[in-house]
PDB file of N, CA and C in Angstrom:
ATOM      1  N   MET A   1      -8.023  53.851  32.322  1.00  0.00           N
ATOM      2  CA  MET A   1      -7.196  53.682  31.427  1.00  0.00           C
ATOM      3  C   MET A   1      -6.011  52.959  31.763  1.00  0.00           C
ATOM      4  N   SER A   2      -5.689  52.027  31.322  1.00  0.00           N
ATOM      5  CA  SER A   2      -4.562  51.350  31.640  1.00  0.00           C
ATOM      6  C   SER A   2      -3.051  51.740  30.855  1.00  0.00           C
ATOM      7  N   GLN A   3      -2.123  51.325  31.018  1.00  0.00           N
ATOM      8  CA  GLN A   3      -0.870  51.696  30.032  1.00  0.00           C
ATOM      9  C   GLN A   3      -0.985  50.956  29.003  1.00  0.00           C
ATOM     10  N   ASP A   4      -1.429  49.989  28.752  1.00  0.00           N
ATOM     11  CA  ASP A   4      -1.374  49.104  27.491  1.00  0.00           C
ATOM     12  C   ASP A   4      -2.124  49.988  26.359  1.00  0.00           C
ATOM     13  N   LEU A   5      -3.183  50.795  27.043  1.00  0.00           N
ATOM     14  CA  LEU A   5      -4.155  51.371  25.885  1.00  0.00           C
ATOM     15  C   LEU A   5      -3.474  52.949  25.922  1.00  0.00           C
ATOM     16  N   ILE A   6      -2.849  53.395  26.469  1.00  0.00           N
ATOM     17  CA  ILE A   6      -2.211  54.530  26.236  1.00  0.00           C
ATOM     18  C   ILE A   6      -1.061  54.528  25.069  1.00  0.00           C
ATOM     19  N   VAL A   7      -0.287  53.508  25.332  1.00  0.00           N
ATOM     20  CA  VAL A   7       0.825  53.027  24.381  1.00  0.00           C
ATOM     21  C   VAL A   7       0.317  52.493  23.056  1.00  0.00           C
ATOM     22  N   GLN A   8      -1.046  52.171  23.328  1.00  0.00           N
ATOM     23  CA  GLN A   8      -1.850  51.831  21.913  1.00  0.00           C
ATOM     24  C   GLN A   8      -2.011  52.979  21.300  1.00  0.00           C
ATOM     25  N   ILE A   9      -2.532  54.013  21.822  1.00  0.00           N
ATOM     26  CA  ILE A   9      -2.781  55.296  21.213  1.00  0.00           C
ATOM     27  C   ILE A   9      -1.710  56.140  21.093  1.00  0.00           C
ATOM     28  N   PHE A  10      -0.632  56.148  21.590  1.00  0.00           N
ATOM     29  CA  PHE A  10       0.471  56.997  21.276  1.00  0.00           C
ATOM     30  C   PHE A  10       1.068  56.188  20.018  1.00  0.00           C
ATOM     31  N   ARG A  11       1.140  54.725  19.787  1.00  0.00           N
ATOM     32  CA  ARG A  11       1.720  54.242  18.758  1.00  0.00           C
ATOM     33  C   ARG A  11       0.826  54.530  17.451  1.00  0.00           C
ATOM     34  N   GLU A  12      -0.346  54.504  17.515  1.00  0.00           N
ATOM     35  CA  GLU A  12      -1.286  54.867  16.685  1.00  0.00           C
ATOM     36  C   GLU A  12      -1.041  56.228  15.954  1.00  0.00           C
ATOM     37  N   PHE A  13      -1.000  57.168  16.992  1.00  0.00           N
ATOM     38  CA  PHE A  13      -0.633  58.593  16.640  1.00  0.00           C
ATOM     39  C   PHE A  13       0.849  58.626  15.833  1.00  0.00           C
ATOM     40  N   LEU A  14       1.828  58.155  16.584  1.00  0.00           N
ATOM     41  CA  LEU A  14       3.166  57.916  15.845  1.00  0.00           C
ATOM     42  C   LEU A  14       3.242  57.474  14.272  1.00  0.00           C
ATOM     43  N   LYS A  15       2.125  56.522  13.823  1.00  0.00           N
ATOM     44  CA  LYS A  15       2.339  56.084  12.870  1.00  0.00           C
ATOM     45  C   LYS A  15       1.680  56.664  11.946  1.00  0.00           C
ATOM     46  N   THR A  16       0.481  57.422  12.539  1.00  0.00           N
ATOM     47  CA  THR A  16      -0.236  58.435  11.298  1.00  0.00           C
ATOM     48  C   THR A  16       0.591  59.628  11.338  1.00  0.00           C
ATOM     49  N   ALA A  17       1.504  60.171  12.071  1.00  0.00           N
ATOM     50  CA  ALA A  17       2.129  61.613  12.100  1.00  0.00           C
ATOM     51  C   ALA A  17       3.122  61.005  10.731  1.00  0.00           C
ATOM     52  N   ALA A  18       3.940  59.811  11.224  1.00  0.00           N
ATOM     53  CA  ALA A  18       4.968  59.392  10.367  1.00  0.00           C
ATOM     54  C   ALA A  18       4.498  59.148   8.687  1.00  0.00           C
ATOM     55  N   LEU A  19       3.307  58.560   8.907  1.00  0.00           N
ATOM     56  CA  LEU A  19       2.629  58.603   7.240  1.00  0.00           C
ATOM     57  C   LEU A  19       2.300  59.736   6.520  1.00  0.00           C
ATOM     58  N   LEU A  20       2.037  60.750   7.598  1.00  0.00           N
ATOM     59  CA  LEU A  20       1.554  62.046   7.011  1.00  0.00           C
ATOM     60  C   LEU A  20       3.083  62.867   6.868  1.00  0.00           C
ATOM     61  N   MET A  21       4.149  62.696   7.425  1.00  0.00           N
ATOM     62  CA  MET A  21       5.394  63.428   7.099  1.00  0.00           C
ATOM     63  C   MET A  21       6.463  62.493   6.108  1.00  0.00           C
ATOM     64  N   ALA A  22       6.228  61.242   5.775  1.00  0.00           N
ATOM     65  CA  ALA A  22       6.961  60.578   4.593  1.00  0.00           C
ATOM     66  C   ALA A  22       6.960  61.277   3.440  1.00  0.00           C
ATOM     67  N   PRO A  23       5.990  61.299   2.753  1.00  0.00           N
ATOM     68  CA  PRO A  23       6.203  61.901   1.557  1.00  0.00           C
ATOM     69  C   PRO A  23       6.763  63.200   0.985  1.00  0.00           C
ATOM     70  N   MET A  24       6.516  64.225   2.121  1.00  0.00           N
ATOM     71  CA  MET A  24       7.438  65.374   2.109  1.00  0.00           C
ATOM     72  C   MET A  24       8.457  65.284   2.276  1.00  0.00           C
ATOM     73  N   LEU A  25       9.226  64.677   3.360  1.00  0.00           N
ATOM     74  CA  LEU A  25      10.208  64.406   3.891  1.00  0.00           C
ATOM     75  C   LEU A  25      11.321  63.802   2.661  1.00  0.00           C
ATOM     76  N   LEU A  26      10.740  62.700   1.810  1.00  0.00           N
ATOM     77  CA  LEU A  26      11.107  62.088   0.798  1.00  0.00           C
ATOM     78  C   LEU A  26      11.569  62.969  -0.308  1.00  0.00           C
ATOM     79  N   ALA A  27      10.247  63.512  -0.626  1.00  0.00           N
ATOM     80  CA  ALA A  27      10.848  64.522  -1.768  1.00  0.00           C
ATOM     81  C   ALA A  27      11.802  65.480  -1.481  1.00  0.00           C
ATOM     82  N   SER A  28      12.016  66.226  -0.140  1.00  0.00           N
ATOM     83  CA  SER A  28      12.965  67.187   0.369  1.00  0.00           C
ATOM     84  C   SER A  28      14.156  66.157   0.176  1.00  0.00           C
ATOM     85  N   ILE A  29      14.468  65.205   0.819  1.00  0.00           N
ATOM     86  CA  ILE A  29      15.760  64.674   0.664  1.00  0.00           C
ATOM     87  C   ILE A  29      15.992  64.200  -1.098  1.00  0.00           C
ATOM     88  N   VAL A  30      15.401  63.850  -1.857  1.00  0.00           N
ATOM     89  CA  VAL A  30      15.639  63.803  -3.172  1.00  0.00           C
ATOM     90  C   VAL A  30      16.105  64.905  -3.928  1.00  0.00           C
ATOM     91  N   VAL A  31      15.018  65.818  -3.524  1.00  0.00           N
ATOM     92  CA  VAL A  31      15.464  67.343  -3.962  1.00  0.00           C
ATOM     93  C   VAL A  31      16.976  68.021  -3.839  1.00  0.00           C
ATOM     94  N   GLY A  32      17.303  67.586  -2.286  1.00  0.00           N
ATOM     95  CA  GLY A  32      18.299  68.194  -1.526  1.00  0.00           C
ATOM     96  C   GLY A  32      19.647  67.231  -2.058  1.00  0.00           C
ATOM     97  N   VAL A  33      19.437  66.306  -2.537  1.00  0.00           N
ATOM     98  CA  VAL A  33      20.579  64.936  -3.089  1.00  0.00           C
ATOM     99  C   VAL A  33      20.728  65.981  -4.480  1.00  0.00           C
ATOM    100  N   LEU A  34      19.701  66.046  -5.176  1.00  0.00           N
ATOM    101  CA  LEU A  34      19.938  66.214  -6.625  1.00  0.00           C
ATOM    102  C   LEU A  34      20.526  67.742  -6.929  1.00  0.00           C
ATOM    103  N   VAL A  35      20.259  68.615  -5.856  1.00  0.00           N
ATOM    104  CA  VAL A  35      20.817  69.975  -5.881  1.00  0.00           C
ATOM    105  C   VAL A  35      22.455  69.815  -5.271  1.00  0.00           C
ATOM    106  N   SER A  36      22.642  68.841  -4.148  1.00  0.00           N
ATOM    107  CA  SER A  36      24.195  68.664  -4.027  1.00  0.00           C
ATOM    108  C   SER A  36      24.823  68.182  -5.053  1.00  0.00           C
ATOM    109  N   ILE A  37      24.098  67.039  -5.786  1.00  0.00           N
ATOM    110  CA  ILE A  37      25.148  66.695  -6.867  1.00  0.00           C
ATOM    111  C   ILE A  37      25.400  67.696  -8.101  1.00  0.00           C
ATOM    112  N   PHE A  38      24.164  68.600  -8.085  1.00  0.00           N
ATOM    113  CA  PHE A  38      24.704  69.515  -9.137  1.00  0.00           C
ATOM    114  C   PHE A  38      25.507  70.742  -8.883  1.00  0.00           C
ATOM    115  N   GLN A  39      25.404  71.436  -7.246  1.00  0.00           N
ATOM    116  CA  GLN A  39      26.385  71.924  -6.669  1.00  0.00           C
ATOM    117  C   GLN A  39      27.455  71.440  -6.995  1.00  0.00           C
ATOM    118  N   ALA A  40      28.109  70.159  -6.644  1.00  0.00           N
ATOM    119  CA  ALA A  40      29.375  69.454  -6.530  1.00  0.00           C
ATOM    120  C   ALA A  40      29.970  69.434  -7.945  1.00  0.00           C
ATOM    121  N   ALA A  41      28.649  69.114  -9.169  1.00  0.00           N
ATOM    122  CA  ALA A  41      29.380  69.310 -10.510  1.00  0.00           C
ATOM    123  C   ALA A  41      29.788  70.042 -11.034  1.00  0.00           C
ATOM    124  N   THR A  42      28.958  71.285 -10.823  1.00  0.00           N
ATOM    125  CA  THR A  42      29.379  72.739 -11.192  1.00  0.00           C
ATOM    126  C   THR A  42      30.222  73.625 -10.137  1.00  0.00           C
ATOM    127  N   GLN A  43      30.657  73.203  -8.806  1.00  0.00           N
ATOM    128  CA  GLN A  43      31.282  73.584  -7.858  1.00  0.00           C
ATOM    129  C   GLN A  43      30.561  75.121  -7.596  1.00  0.00           C
ATOM    130  N   ILE A  44      29.353  75.388  -7.710  1.00  0.00           N
ATOM    131  CA  ILE A  44      28.582  76.412  -7.288  1.00  0.00           C
ATOM    132  C   ILE A  44      28.005  76.250  -5.865  1.00  0.00           C
ATOM    133  N   HIS A  45      28.376  76.523  -4.942  1.00  0.00           N
ATOM    134  CA  HIS A  45      28.505  76.247  -3.208  1.00  0.00           C
ATOM    135  C   HIS A  45      27.755  77.543  -2.593  1.00  0.00           C
ATOM    136  N   GLU A  46      26.533  77.441  -3.345  1.00  0.00           N
ATOM    137  CA  GLU A  46      25.840  78.646  -2.860  1.00  0.00           C
ATOM    138  C   GLU A  46      24.528  78.234  -1.927  1.00  0.00           C
ATOM    139  N   GLN A  47      24.601  78.318  -0.424  1.00  0.00           N
ATOM    140  CA  GLN A  47      23.797  77.680   0.554  1.00  0.00           C
ATOM    141  C   GLN A  47      22.266  77.668   0.225  1.00  0.00           C
ATOM    142  N   THR A  48      21.824  78.973  -0.138  1.00  0.00           N
ATOM    143  CA  THR A  48      20.607  79.171  -0.467  1.00  0.00           C
ATOM    144  C   THR A  48      20.077  78.626  -1.633  1.00  0.00           C
ATOM    145  N   LEU A  49      20.970  78.336  -2.574  1.00  0.00           N
ATOM    146  CA  LEU A  49      20.469  77.473  -3.758  1.00  0.00           C
ATOM    147  C   LEU A  49      19.683  76.337  -3.316  1.00  0.00           C
ATOM    148  N   VAL A  50      19.618  75.571  -2.270  1.00  0.00           N
ATOM    149  CA  VAL A  50      18.835  74.314  -1.892  1.00  0.00           C
ATOM    150  C   VAL A  50      17.432  74.438  -1.356  1.00  0.00           C
ATOM    151  N   PHE A  51      17.135  75.554  -0.951  1.00  0.00           N
ATOM    152  CA  PHE A  51      16.078  76.043  -0.444  1.00  0.00           C
ATOM    153  C   PHE A  51      14.845  76.108  -1.381  1.00  0.00           C
ATOM    154  N   VAL A  52      14.947  77.155  -2.068  1.00  0.00           N
ATOM    155  CA  VAL A  52      13.916  77.135  -3.317  1.00  0.00           C
ATOM    156  C   VAL A  52      13.502  76.103  -3.854  1.00  0.00           C
ATOM    157  N   PRO A  53      14.242  75.019  -4.315  1.00  0.00           N
ATOM    158  CA  PRO A  53      13.586  73.495  -4.912  1.00  0.00           C
ATOM    159  C   PRO A  53      13.025  72.737  -3.869  1.00  0.00           C
ATOM    160  N   LYS A  54      13.572  72.622  -2.760  1.00  0.00           N
ATOM    161  CA  LYS A  54      13.223  72.105  -1.655  1.00  0.00           C
ATOM    162  C   LYS A  54      11.648  72.736  -1.124  1.00  0.00           C
ATOM    163  N   ILE A  55      11.578  74.048  -0.950  1.00  0.00           N
ATOM    164  CA  ILE A  55      10.189  74.360  -0.921  1.00  0.00           C
ATOM    165  C   ILE A  55       9.045  74.300  -1.883  1.00  0.00           C
ATOM    166  N   LEU A  56       9.717  74.206  -3.198  1.00  0.00           N
ATOM    167  CA  LEU A  56       8.615  73.821  -4.343  1.00  0.00           C
ATOM    168  C   LEU A  56       8.248  72.482  -4.408  1.00  0.00           C
ATOM    169  N   ALA A  57       9.301  71.538  -3.949  1.00  0.00           N
ATOM    170  CA  ALA A  57       9.069  70.232  -3.822  1.00  0.00           C
ATOM    171  C   ALA A  57       7.908  69.946  -2.840  1.00  0.00           C
ATOM    172  N   ILE A  58       8.235  70.594  -1.886  1.00  0.00           N
ATOM    173  CA  ILE A  58       7.124  70.235  -0.581  1.00  0.00           C
ATOM    174  C   ILE A  58       5.986  70.891  -0.800  1.00  0.00           C
ATOM    175  N   GLY A  59       5.971  71.880  -1.623  1.00  0.00           N
ATOM    176  CA  GLY A  59       4.526  72.730  -2.030  1.00  0.00           C
ATOM    177  C   GLY A  59       3.832  71.798  -3.000  1.00  0.00           C
ATOM    178  N   PHE A  60       4.613  71.322  -3.898  1.00  0.00           N
ATOM    179  CA  PHE A  60       3.882  70.388  -4.881  1.00  0.00           C
ATOM    180  C   PHE A  60       3.452  69.222  -4.112  1.00  0.00           C
ATOM    181  N   CYS A  61       4.017  68.463  -3.411  1.00  0.00           N
ATOM    182  CA  CYS A  61       3.787  67.228  -2.317  1.00  0.00           C
ATOM    183  C   CYS A  61       2.420  67.525  -1.635  1.00  0.00           C
ATOM    184  N   LEU A  62       2.214  68.898  -1.265  1.00  0.00           N
ATOM    185  CA  LEU A  62       1.303  69.170  -0.328  1.00  0.00           C
ATOM    186  C   LEU A  62       0.157  69.411  -1.091  1.00  0.00           C
ATOM    187  N   MET A  63      -0.007  69.928  -2.636  1.00  0.00           N
ATOM    188  CA  MET A  63      -0.940  70.367  -3.411  1.00  0.00           C
ATOM    189  C   MET A  63      -1.591  68.773  -3.689  1.00  0.00           C
ATOM    190  N   VAL A  64      -0.767  68.105  -3.907  1.00  0.00           N
ATOM    191  CA  VAL A  64      -0.764  66.645  -4.679  1.00  0.00           C
ATOM    192  C   VAL A  64      -1.553  65.823  -3.613  1.00  0.00           C
ATOM    193  N   LEU A  65      -0.991  65.661  -2.637  1.00  0.00           N
ATOM    194  CA  LEU A  65      -1.667  64.798  -1.646  1.00  0.00           C
ATOM    195  C   LEU A  65      -2.238  65.072  -0.062  1.00  0.00           C
ATOM    196  N   PHE A  66      -2.559  66.710  -0.493  1.00  0.00           N
ATOM    197  CA  PHE A  66      -3.354  66.846   0.713  1.00  0.00           C
ATOM    198  C   PHE A  66      -4.833  66.356   0.824  1.00  0.00           C
ATOM    199  N   PRO A  67      -5.563  65.604  -0.323  1.00  0.00           N
ATOM    200  CA  PRO A  67      -6.664  65.051   0.152  1.00  0.00           C
ATOM    201  C   PRO A  67      -6.519  63.786   0.876  1.00  0.00           C
ATOM    202  N   TRP A  68      -5.224  63.117   0.563  1.00  0.00           N
ATOM    203  CA  TRP A  68      -5.050  61.812   1.289  1.00  0.00           C
ATOM    204  C   TRP A  68      -4.579  62.228   2.795  1.00  0.00           C
ATOM    205  N   MET A  69      -3.979  63.044   2.759  1.00  0.00           N
ATOM    206  CA  MET A  69      -3.532  63.473   4.298  1.00  0.00           C
ATOM    207  C   MET A  69      -4.530  63.879   4.930  1.00  0.00           C
ATOM    208  N   LEU A  70      -5.534  64.731   4.552  1.00  0.00           N
ATOM    209  CA  LEU A  70      -6.391  65.048   5.260  1.00  0.00           C
ATOM    210  C   LEU A  70      -7.742  63.738   5.634  1.00  0.00           C
ATOM    211  N   ASN A  71      -7.801  63.038   4.662  1.00  0.00           N
ATOM    212  CA  ASN A  71      -8.655  61.546   4.747  1.00  0.00           C
ATOM    213  C   ASN A  71      -7.817  60.957   5.988  1.00  0.00           C
ATOM    214  N   LEU A  72      -6.892  61.032   6.123  1.00  0.00           N
ATOM    215  CA  LEU A  72      -6.031  59.930   6.774  1.00  0.00           C
ATOM    216  C   LEU A  72      -6.309  60.700   8.376  1.00  0.00           C
ATOM    217  N   MET A  73      -6.041  62.049   8.803  1.00  0.00           N
ATOM    218  CA  MET A  73      -6.354  62.846   9.688  1.00  0.00           C
ATOM    219  C   MET A  73      -7.394  62.631  10.261  1.00  0.00           C
ATOM    220  N   ILE A  74      -8.654  62.764   9.212  1.00  0.00           N
ATOM    221  CA  ILE A  74     -10.231  62.695   9.862  1.00  0.00           C
ATOM    222  C   ILE A  74     -10.704  61.210  10.338  1.00  0.00           C
ATOM    223  N   SER A  75      -9.875  60.093   9.662  1.00  0.00           N
ATOM    224  CA  SER A  75     -10.091  58.686   9.924  1.00  0.00           C
ATOM    225  C   SER A  75      -9.432  58.820  11.160  1.00  0.00           C
ATOM    226  N   TYR A  76      -8.182  58.991  11.643  1.00  0.00           N
ATOM    227  CA  TYR A  76      -7.435  59.067  12.840  1.00  0.00           C
ATOM    228  C   TYR A  76      -8.307  59.792  14.041  1.00  0.00           C
ATOM    229  N   THR A  77      -8.840  60.990  14.039  1.00  0.00           N
ATOM    230  CA  THR A  77      -9.482  61.805  14.526  1.00  0.00           C
ATOM    231  C   THR A  77     -10.801  60.960  14.849  1.00  0.00           C
ATOM    232  N   ILE A  78     -11.627  60.350  14.191  1.00  0.00           N
ATOM    233  CA  ILE A  78     -12.982  59.976  14.304  1.00  0.00           C
ATOM    234  C   ILE A  78     -12.692  58.598  14.996  1.00  0.00           C
ATOM    235  N   ASN A  79     -11.880  57.818  14.475  1.00  0.00           N
ATOM    236  CA  ASN A  79     -11.514  56.710  15.511  1.00  0.00           C
ATOM    237  C   ASN A  79     -10.842  56.915  16.893  1.00  0.00           C
ATOM    238  N   LEU A  80     -10.208  58.041  16.901  1.00  0.00           N
ATOM    239  CA  LEU A  80     -10.205  58.346  18.335  1.00  0.00           C
ATOM    240  C   LEU A  80     -11.270  58.747  19.300  1.00  0.00           C
ATOM    241  N   PHE A  81     -11.782  59.631  18.691  1.00  0.00           N
ATOM    242  CA  PHE A  81     -13.217  60.243  19.285  1.00  0.00           C
ATOM    243  C   PHE A  81     -14.508  59.187  19.595  1.00  0.00           C
ATOM    244  N   SER A  82     -14.613  58.244  18.703  1.00  0.00           N
ATOM    245  CA  SER A  82     -15.362  56.939  18.680  1.00  0.00           C
ATOM    246  C   SER A  82     -15.135  56.135  19.785  1.00  0.00           C
ATOM    247  N   ASN A  83     -13.952  55.890  19.992  1.00  0.00           N
ATOM    248  CA  ASN A  83     -13.460  54.941  21.319  1.00  0.00           C
ATOM    249  C   ASN A  83     -13.206  55.952  22.434  1.00  0.00           C
ATOM    250  N   ILE A  84     -13.700  56.999  22.752  1.00  0.00           N
ATOM    251  CA  ILE A  84     -13.649  57.491  24.147  1.00  0.00           C
ATOM    252  C   ILE A  84     -14.435  56.601  25.117  1.00  0.00           C
ATOM    253  N   PRO A  85     -15.550  56.212  24.648  1.00  0.00           N
ATOM    254  CA  PRO A  85     -16.317  55.568  25.926  1.00  0.00           C
ATOM    255  C   PRO A  85     -15.339  54.182  26.222  1.00  0.00           C
ATOM    256  N   LEU A  86     -14.792  53.767  25.523  1.00  0.00           N
ATOM    257  CA  LEU A  86     -13.524  52.493  25.530  1.00  0.00           C
ATOM    258  C   LEU A  86     -12.607  52.769  26.398  1.00  0.00           C
ATOM    259  N   TYR A  87     -12.024  54.260  26.294  1.00  0.00           N
ATOM    260  CA  TYR A  87     -10.732  54.576  27.054  1.00  0.00           C
ATOM    261  C   TYR A  87     -11.134  54.861  28.552  1.00  0.00           C
ATOM    262  N   VAL A  88     -12.394  55.588  28.484  1.00  0.00           N
ATOM    263  CA  VAL A  88     -12.638  56.281  29.731  1.00  0.00           C
ATOM    264  C   VAL A  88     -13.002  54.525  30.649  1.00  0.00           C
ATOM    265  N   ARG A  89     -13.882  53.947  30.207  1.00  0.00           N
ATOM    266  CA  ARG A  89     -14.069  52.605  30.882  1.00  0.00           C
ATOM    267  C   ARG A  89     -12.877  52.191  31.863  1.00  0.00           C
TER     268      ARG A  89
END
């Protein structure tokens, strides 16, 4: 196993992880900014007000995007396992 192969496997892992995290992080950021704008406009500075909408947005993203995420994880795992003879060589 060469260093280039290890770097390639790790790069593919990071790419897959970033693709899996991105929709939920973006939803969380958008909801956080909207709640912050609402808090600034109404001058309600309750710190716990942000958590419930963020949790709901992330839960909604998980419900909608879970089949795509599962498909991506399965294809990554199949690709990794099918190439084991190539890695061991």
